[in-house]
Amino acid sequence: VAIRNVRRDANKAADGLKNDGLPEDDCDKLKGEIDDLTKSYTKKIDDALKAKTAELMEV
């Protein structure tokens, strides 16, 4: 949930930059980078969760 909140805030900031004169293409690129980072960190969290679950199941 926290990652989605950060992504939402970052996308709002990108929209604010677009309203301040940032070209739409640059705004779309920025939002794409935000989504890529979000996916990356979500995957890291999922991997850590799977590893911890496997570790606990060994006991």
Protein backbone atom coordinates (compact mmCIF):
# COMPACT_ATOMS: atom_id res chain seq x y z
CA VAL A 1 0.00 0.00 0.00
CA ALA A 2 2.83 2.39 0.87
CA ILE A 3 4.46 1.91 -2.53
CA ARG A 4 1.20 2.71 -4.30
CA ASN A 5 0.81 5.86 -2.22
CA VAL A 6 4.31 7.01 -3.14
CA ARG A 7 3.59 6.25 -6.82
CA ARG A 8 0.35 8.25 -6.63
CA ASP A 9 2.14 11.21 -5.05
CA ALA A 10 4.93 11.05 -7.64
CA ASN A 11 2.41 10.94 -10.49
CA LYS A 12 0.62 13.96 -9.01
CA ALA A 13 3.95 15.78 -8.86
CA ALA A 14 4.59 14.88 -12.51
CA ASP A 15 1.16 16.24 -13.44
CA GLY A 16 2.01 19.42 -11.54
CA LEU A 17 5.20 19.77 -13.56
CA LYS A 18 3.19 19.29 -16.75
CA ASN A 19 0.86 22.08 -15.65
CA ASP A 20 3.94 24.24 -14.97
CA GLY A 21 5.14 23.81 -18.55
CA LEU A 22 6.86 20.42 -18.76
CA PRO A 23 6.23 18.96 -22.22
CA GLU A 24 3.69 16.13 -22.27
CA ASP A 25 6.22 13.68 -23.74
CA ASP A 26 8.61 14.35 -20.86
CA CYS A 27 5.77 13.94 -18.37
CA ASP A 28 4.82 10.59 -19.91
CA LYS A 29 8.47 9.49 -19.80
CA LEU A 30 8.68 10.50 -16.14
CA LYS A 31 5.51 8.57 -15.32
CA GLY A 32 6.94 5.54 -17.13
CA GLU A 33 10.08 5.74 -15.00
CA ILE A 34 7.93 6.02 -11.88
CA ASP A 35 6.00 2.90 -12.91
CA ASP A 36 9.25 1.02 -13.63
CA LEU A 37 10.61 1.89 -10.19
CA THR A 38 7.32 0.90 -8.59
CA LYS A 39 7.39 -2.49 -10.32
CA SER A 40 11.03 -2.99 -9.37
CA TYR A 41 10.48 -2.34 -5.68
CA THR A 42 7.26 -4.35 -5.62
CA LYS A 43 9.19 -7.30 -7.08
CA LYS A 44 11.94 -6.90 -4.45
CA ILE A 45 9.34 -6.96 -1.69
CA ASP A 46 7.60 -10.00 -3.19
CA ASP A 47 10.94 -11.83 -3.48
CA ALA A 48 11.84 -11.02 0.13
CA LEU A 49 8.41 -12.22 1.25
CA LYS A 50 8.77 -15.50 -0.65
CA ALA A 51 12.25 -16.04 0.80
CA LYS A 52 11.04 -15.38 4.34
CA THR A 53 8.01 -17.63 3.85
CA ALA A 54 10.26 -20.43 2.59
CA GLU A 55 12.60 -19.89 5.54
CA LEU A 56 9.74 -20.14 8.02
CA MET A 57 8.34 -23.26 6.36
CA GLU A 58 11.67 -25.07 6.84
CA VAL A 59 11.25 -24.97 10.60
